[in-house]
All heavy atoms as atom14 arrays in JSON, in Angstrom:
{
  "sequence": "VLALASPDAMLARANVDRFAETGRIDLAYLDGLSADATPALLRLPPE",
  "atom14_mask": [
    [1, 1, 1, 1, 1, 1, 1, 0, 0, 0, 0, 0, 0, 0],
    [1, 1, 1, 1, 1, 1, 1, 1, 0, 0, 0, 0, 0, 0],
    [1, 1, 1, 1, 1, 0, 0, 0, 0, 0, 0, 0, 0, 0],
    [1, 1, 1, 1, 1, 1, 1, 1, 0, 0, 0, 0, 0, 0],
    [1, 1, 1, 1, 1, 0, 0, 0, 0, 0, 0, 0, 0, 0],
    [1, 1, 1, 1, 1, 1, 0, 0, 0, 0, 0, 0, 0, 0],
    [1, 1, 1, 1, 1, 1, 1, 0, 0, 0, 0, 0, 0, 0],
    [1, 1, 1, 1, 1, 1, 1, 1, 0, 0, 0, 0, 0, 0],
    [1, 1, 1, 1, 1, 0, 0, 0, 0, 0, 0, 0, 0, 0],
    [1, 1, 1, 1, 1, 1, 1, 1, 0, 0, 0, 0, 0, 0],
    [1, 1, 1, 1, 1, 1, 1, 1, 0, 0, 0, 0, 0, 0],
    [1, 1, 1, 1, 1, 0, 0, 0, 0, 0, 0, 0, 0, 0],
    [1, 1, 1, 1, 1, 1, 1, 1, 1, 1, 1, 0, 0, 0],
    [1, 1, 1, 1, 1, 0, 0, 0, 0, 0, 0, 0, 0, 0],
    [1, 1, 1, 1, 1, 1, 1, 1, 0, 0, 0, 0, 0, 0],
    [1, 1, 1, 1, 1, 1, 1, 0, 0, 0, 0, 0, 0, 0],
    [1, 1, 1, 1, 1, 1, 1, 1, 0, 0, 0, 0, 0, 0],
    [1, 1, 1, 1, 1, 1, 1, 1, 1, 1, 1, 0, 0, 0],
    [1, 1, 1, 1, 1, 1, 1, 1, 1, 1, 1, 0, 0, 0],
    [1, 1, 1, 1, 1, 0, 0, 0, 0, 0, 0, 0, 0, 0],
    [1, 1, 1, 1, 1, 1, 1, 1, 1, 0, 0, 0, 0, 0],
    [1, 1, 1, 1, 1, 1, 1, 0, 0, 0, 0, 0, 0, 0],
    [1, 1, 1, 1, 0, 0, 0, 0, 0, 0, 0, 0, 0, 0],
    [1, 1, 1, 1, 1, 1, 1, 1, 1, 1, 1, 0, 0, 0],
    [1, 1, 1, 1, 1, 1, 1, 1, 0, 0, 0, 0, 0, 0],
    [1, 1, 1, 1, 1, 1, 1, 1, 0, 0, 0, 0, 0, 0],
    [1, 1, 1, 1, 1, 1, 1, 1, 0, 0, 0, 0, 0, 0],
    [1, 1, 1, 1, 1, 0, 0, 0, 0, 0, 0, 0, 0, 0],
    [1, 1, 1, 1, 1, 1, 1, 1, 1, 1, 1, 1, 0, 0],
    [1, 1, 1, 1, 1, 1, 1, 1, 0, 0, 0, 0, 0, 0],
    [1, 1, 1, 1, 1, 1, 1, 1, 0, 0, 0, 0, 0, 0],
    [1, 1, 1, 1, 0, 0, 0, 0, 0, 0, 0, 0, 0, 0],
    [1, 1, 1, 1, 1, 1, 1, 1, 0, 0, 0, 0, 0, 0],
    [1, 1, 1, 1, 1, 1, 0, 0, 0, 0, 0, 0, 0, 0],
    [1, 1, 1, 1, 1, 0, 0, 0, 0, 0, 0, 0, 0, 0],
    [1, 1, 1, 1, 1, 1, 1, 1, 0, 0, 0, 0, 0, 0],
    [1, 1, 1, 1, 1, 0, 0, 0, 0, 0, 0, 0, 0, 0],
    [1, 1, 1, 1, 1, 1, 1, 0, 0, 0, 0, 0, 0, 0],
    [1, 1, 1, 1, 1, 1, 1, 0, 0, 0, 0, 0, 0, 0],
    [1, 1, 1, 1, 1, 0, 0, 0, 0, 0, 0, 0, 0, 0],
    [1, 1, 1, 1, 1, 1, 1, 1, 0, 0, 0, 0, 0, 0],
    [1, 1, 1, 1, 1, 1, 1, 1, 0, 0, 0, 0, 0, 0],
    [1, 1, 1, 1, 1, 1, 1, 1, 1, 1, 1, 0, 0, 0],
    [1, 1, 1, 1, 1, 1, 1, 1, 0, 0, 0, 0, 0, 0],
    [1, 1, 1, 1, 1, 1, 1, 0, 0, 0, 0, 0, 0, 0],
    [1, 1, 1, 1, 1, 1, 1, 0, 0, 0, 0, 0, 0, 0],
    [1, 1, 1, 1, 1, 1, 1, 1, 1, 0, 0, 0, 0, 0]
  ],
  "atom14_positions": [
    [[0.84, -1.2, 0.0], [0.0, 0.0, 0.0], [0.87, 1.25, 0.0], [0.6, 2.22, -0.73], [-0.95, -0.01, 1.21], [-1.64, 1.35, 1.36], [-1.99, -1.11, 1.06], [0.0, 0.0, 0.0], [0.0, 0.0, 0.0], [0.0, 0.0, 0.0], [0.0, 0.0, 0.0], [0.0, 0.0, 0.0], [0.0, 0.0, 0.0], [0.0, 0.0, 0.0]],
    [[1.94, 1.24, 0.81], [2.85, 2.39, 0.84], [3.48, 2.61, -0.53], [3.59, 3.75, -1.0], [3.93, 2.16, 1.9], [5.02, 3.23, 2.0], [4.42, 4.57, 2.4], [6.11, 2.81, 2.98], [0.0, 0.0, 0.0], [0.0, 0.0, 0.0], [0.0, 0.0, 0.0], [0.0, 0.0, 0.0], [0.0, 0.0, 0.0], [0.0, 0.0, 0.0]],
    [[3.92, 1.53, -1.17], [4.55, 1.65, -2.48], [3.57, 2.18, -3.52], [3.92, 3.03, -4.35], [5.12, 0.31, -2.92], [0.0, 0.0, 0.0], [0.0, 0.0, 0.0], [0.0, 0.0, 0.0], [0.0, 0.0, 0.0], [0.0, 0.0, 0.0], [0.0, 0.0, 0.0], [0.0, 0.0, 0.0], [0.0, 0.0, 0.0], [0.0, 0.0, 0.0]],
    [[2.33, 1.67, -3.52], [1.34, 2.13, -4.48], [0.96, 3.58, -4.25], [0.56, 4.28, -5.19], [0.1, 1.24, -4.41], [0.3, -0.22, -4.83], [-1.0, -1.0, -4.69], [0.8, -0.31, -6.27], [0.0, 0.0, 0.0], [0.0, 0.0, 0.0], [0.0, 0.0, 0.0], [0.0, 0.0, 0.0], [0.0, 0.0, 0.0], [0.0, 0.0, 0.0]],
    [[1.09, 4.04, -3.02], [0.79, 5.45, -2.72], [1.91, 6.38, -3.18], [1.77, 7.6, -3.06], [0.57, 5.62, -1.22], [0.0, 0.0, 0.0], [0.0, 0.0, 0.0], [0.0, 0.0, 0.0], [0.0, 0.0, 0.0], [0.0, 0.0, 0.0], [0.0, 0.0, 0.0], [0.0, 0.0, 0.0], [0.0, 0.0, 0.0], [0.0, 0.0, 0.0]],
    [[3.01, 5.82, -3.71], [4.16, 6.58, -4.19], [4.78, 7.43, -3.08], [4.52, 8.63, -2.96], [3.77, 7.48, -5.37], [4.91, 8.05, -5.97], [0.0, 0.0, 0.0], [0.0, 0.0, 0.0], [0.0, 0.0, 0.0], [0.0, 0.0, 0.0], [0.0, 0.0, 0.0], [0.0, 0.0, 0.0], [0.0, 0.0, 0.0], [0.0, 0.0, 0.0]],
    [[5.61, 6.8, -2.22], [6.14, 7.52, -1.05], [6.94, 8.76, -1.39], [6.83, 9.77, -0.68], [6.99, 6.46, -0.36], [7.24, 5.4, -1.39], [6.06, 5.41, -2.27], [0.0, 0.0, 0.0], [0.0, 0.0, 0.0], [0.0, 0.0, 0.0], [0.0, 0.0, 0.0], [0.0, 0.0, 0.0], [0.0, 0.0, 0.0], [0.0, 0.0, 0.0]],
    [[7.77, 8.73, -2.44], [8.53, 9.92, -2.78], [7.62, 11.07, -3.21], [7.9, 12.24, -2.9], [9.54, 9.6, -3.9], [10.84, 9.03, -3.35], [10.85, 8.63, -2.16], [11.83, 8.98, -4.09], [0.0, 0.0, 0.0], [0.0, 0.0, 0.0], [0.0, 0.0, 0.0], [0.0, 0.0, 0.0], [0.0, 0.0, 0.0], [0.0, 0.0, 0.0]],
    [[6.54, 10.75, -3.89], [5.57, 11.8, -4.25], [4.9, 12.34, -2.99], [4.65, 13.56, -2.89], [4.53, 11.24, -5.21], [0.0, 0.0, 0.0], [0.0, 0.0, 0.0], [0.0, 0.0, 0.0], [0.0, 0.0, 0.0], [0.0, 0.0, 0.0], [0.0, 0.0, 0.0], [0.0, 0.0, 0.0], [0.0, 0.0, 0.0], [0.0, 0.0, 0.0]],
    [[4.6, 11.46, -2.03], [4.02, 11.92, -0.77], [4.98, 12.85, -0.04], [4.57, 13.89, 0.51], [3.68, 10.72, 0.12], [2.59, 9.82, -0.42], [2.42, 8.29, 0.56], [1.97, 8.98, 2.17], [0.0, 0.0, 0.0], [0.0, 0.0, 0.0], [0.0, 0.0, 0.0], [0.0, 0.0, 0.0], [0.0, 0.0, 0.0], [0.0, 0.0, 0.0]],
    [[6.26, 12.49, -0.01], [7.26, 13.34, 0.63], [7.32, 14.7, -0.03], [7.38, 15.75, 0.64], [8.64, 12.67, 0.57], [8.83, 11.36, 1.33], [10.21, 10.79, 1.06], [8.63, 11.6, 2.81], [0.0, 0.0, 0.0], [0.0, 0.0, 0.0], [0.0, 0.0, 0.0], [0.0, 0.0, 0.0], [0.0, 0.0, 0.0], [0.0, 0.0, 0.0]],
    [[7.32, 14.71, -1.37], [7.41, 15.98, -2.08], [6.19, 16.85, -1.79], [6.32, 18.06, -1.53], [7.54, 15.73, -3.58], [0.0, 0.0, 0.0], [0.0, 0.0, 0.0], [0.0, 0.0, 0.0], [0.0, 0.0, 0.0], [0.0, 0.0, 0.0], [0.0, 0.0, 0.0], [0.0, 0.0, 0.0], [0.0, 0.0, 0.0], [0.0, 0.0, 0.0]],
    [[5.0, 16.26, -1.84], [3.79, 17.06, -1.59], [3.78, 17.62, -0.17], [3.44, 18.79, 0.04], [2.55, 16.18, -1.81], [2.24, 15.89, -3.26], [0.86, 15.31, -3.42], [0.72, 14.02, -2.75], [0.95, 12.85, -3.35], [1.33, 12.81, -4.62], [0.79, 11.72, -2.68], [0.0, 0.0, 0.0], [0.0, 0.0, 0.0], [0.0, 0.0, 0.0]],
    [[4.17, 16.79, 0.82], [4.17, 17.25, 2.2], [5.15, 18.4, 2.41], [4.85, 19.38, 3.09], [4.5, 16.08, 3.14], [0.0, 0.0, 0.0], [0.0, 0.0, 0.0], [0.0, 0.0, 0.0], [0.0, 0.0, 0.0], [0.0, 0.0, 0.0], [0.0, 0.0, 0.0], [0.0, 0.0, 0.0], [0.0, 0.0, 0.0], [0.0, 0.0, 0.0]],
    [[6.33, 18.3, 1.81], [7.33, 19.35, 2.0], [7.0, 20.61, 1.21], [7.31, 21.72, 1.66], [8.72, 18.81, 1.61], [9.31, 17.93, 2.68], [9.88, 18.39, 3.66], [9.19, 16.62, 2.5], [0.0, 0.0, 0.0], [0.0, 0.0, 0.0], [0.0, 0.0, 0.0], [0.0, 0.0, 0.0], [0.0, 0.0, 0.0], [0.0, 0.0, 0.0]],
    [[6.37, 20.46, 0.07], [5.92, 21.64, -0.68], [4.82, 22.36, 0.09], [4.8, 23.6, 0.18], [5.45, 21.23, -2.09], [4.75, 22.4, -2.79], [6.64, 20.76, -2.93], [0.0, 0.0, 0.0], [0.0, 0.0, 0.0], [0.0, 0.0, 0.0], [0.0, 0.0, 0.0], [0.0, 0.0, 0.0], [0.0, 0.0, 0.0], [0.0, 0.0, 0.0]],
    [[3.89, 21.62, 0.66], [2.83, 22.23, 1.46], [3.42, 22.93, 2.68], [2.98, 24.03, 3.07], [1.82, 21.18, 1.91], [1.0, 20.63, 0.74], [0.94, 21.29, -0.32], [0.43, 19.52, 0.89], [0.0, 0.0, 0.0], [0.0, 0.0, 0.0], [0.0, 0.0, 0.0], [0.0, 0.0, 0.0], [0.0, 0.0, 0.0], [0.0, 0.0, 0.0]],
    [[4.42, 22.31, 3.3], [5.07, 22.92, 4.46], [5.77, 24.21, 4.06], [5.77, 25.2, 4.81], [6.06, 21.93, 5.07], [6.85, 22.45, 6.25], [7.66, 21.32, 6.88], [8.52, 21.81, 7.93], [9.77, 22.2, 7.75], [10.33, 22.12, 6.55], [10.49, 22.64, 8.78], [0.0, 0.0, 0.0], [0.0, 0.0, 0.0], [0.0, 0.0, 0.0]],
    [[6.38, 24.23, 2.88], [7.04, 25.45, 2.4], [6.02, 26.56, 2.2], [6.29, 27.74, 2.51], [7.78, 25.15, 1.1], [8.38, 26.37, 0.46], [9.5, 26.98, 1.0], [7.81, 26.92, -0.68], [10.05, 28.11, 0.41], [8.35, 28.04, -1.28], [9.48, 28.64, -0.72], [0.0, 0.0, 0.0], [0.0, 0.0, 0.0], [0.0, 0.0, 0.0]],
    [[4.86, 26.22, 1.66], [3.82, 27.23, 1.45], [3.34, 27.83, 2.77], [2.96, 29.0, 2.83], [2.65, 26.62, 0.69], [0.0, 0.0, 0.0], [0.0, 0.0, 0.0], [0.0, 0.0, 0.0], [0.0, 0.0, 0.0], [0.0, 0.0, 0.0], [0.0, 0.0, 0.0], [0.0, 0.0, 0.0], [0.0, 0.0, 0.0], [0.0, 0.0, 0.0]],
    [[3.38, 27.02, 3.85], [2.89, 27.51, 5.14], [3.97, 28.2, 5.97], [3.69, 29.18, 6.66], [2.33, 26.33, 5.95], [1.1, 25.68, 5.32], [0.68, 24.44, 6.07], [1.34, 24.11, 7.09], [-0.31, 23.8, 5.66], [0.0, 0.0, 0.0], [0.0, 0.0, 0.0], [0.0, 0.0, 0.0], [0.0, 0.0, 0.0], [0.0, 0.0, 0.0]],
    [[5.21, 27.69, 5.91], [6.26, 28.19, 6.8], [7.4, 28.88, 6.09], [8.18, 29.6, 6.73], [6.84, 27.03, 7.63], [7.52, 26.11, 6.75], [5.73, 26.27, 8.36], [0.0, 0.0, 0.0], [0.0, 0.0, 0.0], [0.0, 0.0, 0.0], [0.0, 0.0, 0.0], [0.0, 0.0, 0.0], [0.0, 0.0, 0.0], [0.0, 0.0, 0.0]],
    [[7.55, 28.65, 4.78], [8.68, 29.21, 4.05], [9.97, 28.45, 4.25], [11.03, 28.87, 3.79], [0.0, 0.0, 0.0], [0.0, 0.0, 0.0], [0.0, 0.0, 0.0], [0.0, 0.0, 0.0], [0.0, 0.0, 0.0], [0.0, 0.0, 0.0], [0.0, 0.0, 0.0], [0.0, 0.0, 0.0], [0.0, 0.0, 0.0], [0.0, 0.0, 0.0]],
    [[9.92, 27.3, 4.95], [11.12, 26.49, 5.19], [11.08, 25.24, 4.34], [10.03, 24.58, 4.23], [11.2, 26.1, 6.67], [11.48, 27.28, 7.59], [11.58, 26.81, 9.03], [10.31, 26.29, 9.52], [10.16, 25.72, 10.71], [11.19, 25.57, 11.51], [8.97, 25.28, 11.1], [0.0, 0.0, 0.0], [0.0, 0.0, 0.0], [0.0, 0.0, 0.0]],
    [[12.24, 24.9, 3.75], [12.29, 23.73, 2.88], [13.74, 23.28, 2.74], [14.67, 24.1, 2.8], [11.69, 24.04, 1.49], [11.44, 22.76, 0.7], [12.58, 25.0, 0.71], [10.61, 22.97, -0.55], [0.0, 0.0, 0.0], [0.0, 0.0, 0.0], [0.0, 0.0, 0.0], [0.0, 0.0, 0.0], [0.0, 0.0, 0.0], [0.0, 0.0, 0.0]],
    [[13.94, 22.0, 2.6], [15.26, 21.42, 2.38], [15.36, 21.03, 0.92], [14.97, 19.93, 0.52], [15.46, 20.21, 3.29], [16.88, 19.65, 3.2], [17.59, 20.0, 2.26], [17.25, 18.86, 4.09], [0.0, 0.0, 0.0], [0.0, 0.0, 0.0], [0.0, 0.0, 0.0], [0.0, 0.0, 0.0], [0.0, 0.0, 0.0], [0.0, 0.0, 0.0]],
    [[15.9, 21.91, 0.11], [15.96, 21.67, -1.33], [16.96, 20.57, -1.67], [16.75, 19.83, -2.63], [16.33, 22.97, -2.05], [15.3, 24.11, -1.92], [15.84, 25.39, -2.53], [13.99, 23.72, -2.58], [0.0, 0.0, 0.0], [0.0, 0.0, 0.0], [0.0, 0.0, 0.0], [0.0, 0.0, 0.0], [0.0, 0.0, 0.0], [0.0, 0.0, 0.0]],
    [[18.03, 20.47, -0.89], [19.02, 19.41, -1.16], [18.41, 18.03, -0.96], [18.67, 17.11, -1.72], [20.24, 19.6, -0.25], [0.0, 0.0, 0.0], [0.0, 0.0, 0.0], [0.0, 0.0, 0.0], [0.0, 0.0, 0.0], [0.0, 0.0, 0.0], [0.0, 0.0, 0.0], [0.0, 0.0, 0.0], [0.0, 0.0, 0.0], [0.0, 0.0, 0.0]],
    [[17.59, 17.89, 0.09], [16.94, 16.6, 0.32], [15.95, 16.28, -0.79], [15.91, 15.16, -1.3], [16.21, 16.62, 1.67], [15.57, 15.3, 2.02], [16.32, 14.29, 2.6], [14.23, 15.05, 1.73], [15.75, 13.06, 2.91], [13.65, 13.82, 2.04], [14.41, 12.83, 2.62], [13.85, 11.62, 2.91], [0.0, 0.0, 0.0], [0.0, 0.0, 0.0]],
    [[15.17, 17.26, -1.19], [14.19, 17.03, -2.26], [14.87, 16.71, -3.58], [14.33, 15.96, -4.39], [13.29, 18.27, -2.41], [12.42, 18.61, -1.2], [11.6, 19.86, -1.47], [11.5, 17.44, -0.85], [0.0, 0.0, 0.0], [0.0, 0.0, 0.0], [0.0, 0.0, 0.0], [0.0, 0.0, 0.0], [0.0, 0.0, 0.0], [0.0, 0.0, 0.0]],
    [[16.05, 17.26, -3.79], [16.78, 16.99, -5.02], [17.23, 15.53, -5.1], [17.5, 15.01, -6.18], [17.99, 17.91, -5.12], [18.59, 17.95, -6.51], [17.91, 17.49, -7.46], [19.72, 18.43, -6.67], [0.0, 0.0, 0.0], [0.0, 0.0, 0.0], [0.0, 0.0, 0.0], [0.0, 0.0, 0.0], [0.0, 0.0, 0.0], [0.0, 0.0, 0.0]],
    [[17.29, 14.87, -3.94], [17.7, 13.47, -3.92], [16.56, 12.49, -4.09], [16.79, 11.28, -4.1], [0.0, 0.0, 0.0], [0.0, 0.0, 0.0], [0.0, 0.0, 0.0], [0.0, 0.0, 0.0], [0.0, 0.0, 0.0], [0.0, 0.0, 0.0], [0.0, 0.0, 0.0], [0.0, 0.0, 0.0], [0.0, 0.0, 0.0], [0.0, 0.0, 0.0]],
    [[15.33, 12.99, -4.21], [14.2, 12.1, -4.42], [14.17, 11.59, -5.85], [14.85, 12.11, -6.73], [12.9, 12.83, -4.08], [12.74, 13.31, -2.63], [11.41, 14.03, -2.46], [12.85, 12.15, -1.65], [0.0, 0.0, 0.0], [0.0, 0.0, 0.0], [0.0, 0.0, 0.0], [0.0, 0.0, 0.0], [0.0, 0.0, 0.0], [0.0, 0.0, 0.0]],
    [[13.36, 10.57, -6.08], [13.29, 9.94, -7.39], [12.37, 10.73, -8.32], [11.78, 11.76, -7.95], [12.77, 8.51, -7.25], [11.43, 8.53, -6.78], [0.0, 0.0, 0.0], [0.0, 0.0, 0.0], [0.0, 0.0, 0.0], [0.0, 0.0, 0.0], [0.0, 0.0, 0.0], [0.0, 0.0, 0.0], [0.0, 0.0, 0.0], [0.0, 0.0, 0.0]],
    [[12.24, 10.22, -9.54], [11.37, 10.86, -10.53], [9.91, 10.87, -10.11], [9.12, 11.69, -10.61], [11.52, 10.16, -11.88], [0.0, 0.0, 0.0], [0.0, 0.0, 0.0], [0.0, 0.0, 0.0], [0.0, 0.0, 0.0], [0.0, 0.0, 0.0], [0.0, 0.0, 0.0], [0.0, 0.0, 0.0], [0.0, 0.0, 0.0], [0.0, 0.0, 0.0]],
    [[9.53, 9.99, -9.18], [8.15, 9.97, -8.71], [7.75, 11.31, -8.08], [6.57, 11.68, -8.08], [7.96, 8.87, -7.66], [8.31, 7.49, -8.2], [8.1, 7.26, -9.4], [8.8, 6.66, -7.42], [0.0, 0.0, 0.0], [0.0, 0.0, 0.0], [0.0, 0.0, 0.0], [0.0, 0.0, 0.0], [0.0, 0.0, 0.0], [0.0, 0.0, 0.0]],
    [[8.73, 12.04, -7.54], [8.45, 13.28, -6.83], [8.34, 14.49, -7.74], [7.86, 15.54, -7.31], [9.53, 13.53, -5.78], [0.0, 0.0, 0.0], [0.0, 0.0, 0.0], [0.0, 0.0, 0.0], [0.0, 0.0, 0.0], [0.0, 0.0, 0.0], [0.0, 0.0, 0.0], [0.0, 0.0, 0.0], [0.0, 0.0, 0.0], [0.0, 0.0, 0.0]],
    [[8.78, 14.38, -8.98], [8.88, 15.56, -9.85], [7.55, 16.29, -10.05], [7.52, 17.52, -9.97], [9.48, 15.15, -11.21], [10.77, 14.6, -10.99], [9.6, 16.35, -12.13], [0.0, 0.0, 0.0], [0.0, 0.0, 0.0], [0.0, 0.0, 0.0], [0.0, 0.0, 0.0], [0.0, 0.0, 0.0], [0.0, 0.0, 0.0], [0.0, 0.0, 0.0]],
    [[6.44, 15.61, -10.34], [5.2, 16.37, -10.53], [4.84, 17.25, -9.34], [4.39, 18.39, -9.52], [4.15, 15.27, -10.76], [4.93, 14.13, -11.32], [6.24, 14.18, -10.6], [0.0, 0.0, 0.0], [0.0, 0.0, 0.0], [0.0, 0.0, 0.0], [0.0, 0.0, 0.0], [0.0, 0.0, 0.0], [0.0, 0.0, 0.0], [0.0, 0.0, 0.0]],
    [[5.05, 16.76, -8.12], [4.73, 17.57, -6.94], [5.71, 18.72, -6.78], [5.32, 19.82, -6.35], [4.73, 16.7, -5.69], [0.0, 0.0, 0.0], [0.0, 0.0, 0.0], [0.0, 0.0, 0.0], [0.0, 0.0, 0.0], [0.0, 0.0, 0.0], [0.0, 0.0, 0.0], [0.0, 0.0, 0.0], [0.0, 0.0, 0.0], [0.0, 0.0, 0.0]],
    [[6.98, 18.53, -7.14], [7.97, 19.59, -6.99], [7.74, 20.73, -7.97], [8.23, 21.84, -7.75], [9.38, 19.01, -7.17], [9.83, 18.0, -6.12], [11.22, 17.49, -6.43], [9.78, 18.61, -4.72], [0.0, 0.0, 0.0], [0.0, 0.0, 0.0], [0.0, 0.0, 0.0], [0.0, 0.0, 0.0], [0.0, 0.0, 0.0], [0.0, 0.0, 0.0]],
    [[7.03, 20.48, -9.04], [6.75, 21.54, -10.0], [5.81, 22.61, -9.43], [5.64, 23.67, -10.03], [6.13, 20.95, -11.28], [7.07, 20.12, -12.14], [6.33, 19.54, -13.34], [8.25, 20.94, -12.59], [0.0, 0.0, 0.0], [0.0, 0.0, 0.0], [0.0, 0.0, 0.0], [0.0, 0.0, 0.0], [0.0, 0.0, 0.0], [0.0, 0.0, 0.0]],
    [[5.21, 22.33, -8.27], [4.36, 23.33, -7.63], [5.17, 24.39, -6.91], [4.61, 25.42, -6.48], [3.43, 22.64, -6.63], [2.41, 21.7, -7.27], [1.79, 20.79, -6.23], [1.41, 21.51, -5.02], [1.25, 20.95, -3.83], [1.44, 19.64, -3.69], [0.91, 21.68, -2.79], [0.0, 0.0, 0.0], [0.0, 0.0, 0.0], [0.0, 0.0, 0.0]],
    [[6.47, 24.19, -6.76], [7.32, 25.18, -6.11], [7.5, 26.41, -6.99], [7.39, 26.32, -8.22], [8.69, 24.57, -5.8], [8.76, 23.53, -4.68], [10.12, 22.84, -4.68], [8.5, 24.18, -3.32], [0.0, 0.0, 0.0], [0.0, 0.0, 0.0], [0.0, 0.0, 0.0], [0.0, 0.0, 0.0], [0.0, 0.0, 0.0], [0.0, 0.0, 0.0]],
    [[7.81, 27.57, -6.4], [8.17, 28.75, -7.21], [9.39, 28.44, -8.07], [10.17, 27.55, -7.74], [8.48, 29.82, -6.16], [7.74, 29.38, -4.93], [7.76, 27.88, -4.96], [0.0, 0.0, 0.0], [0.0, 0.0, 0.0], [0.0, 0.0, 0.0], [0.0, 0.0, 0.0], [0.0, 0.0, 0.0], [0.0, 0.0, 0.0], [0.0, 0.0, 0.0]],
    [[9.59, 29.17, -9.18], [10.65, 28.82, -10.14], [12.03, 28.66, -9.53], [12.76, 27.72, -9.86], [10.6, 29.98, -11.14], [9.18, 30.46, -11.08], [8.76, 30.28, -9.66], [0.0, 0.0, 0.0], [0.0, 0.0, 0.0], [0.0, 0.0, 0.0], [0.0, 0.0, 0.0], [0.0, 0.0, 0.0], [0.0, 0.0, 0.0], [0.0, 0.0, 0.0]],
    [[12.44, 29.56, -8.64], [13.79, 29.48, -8.09], [13.97, 28.22, -7.26], [14.94, 27.47, -7.43], [14.08, 30.71, -7.23], [15.49, 30.71, -6.67], [15.8, 31.99, -5.9], [15.03, 32.97, -6.04], [16.8, 32.0, -5.17], [0.0, 0.0, 0.0], [0.0, 0.0, 0.0], [0.0, 0.0, 0.0], [0.0, 0.0, 0.0], [0.0, 0.0, 0.0]]
  ]
}
């Protein structure tokens, strides 16, 4: 169930939402995620 839920995508969405609320984010950690996370990371501002 965890695998089908795409854990890296879940991580990306959770951290993007946290950035929208707090302005804090670990870009180096997110850069190490797999391609599964890319669609969620596109919600970040361009920089």
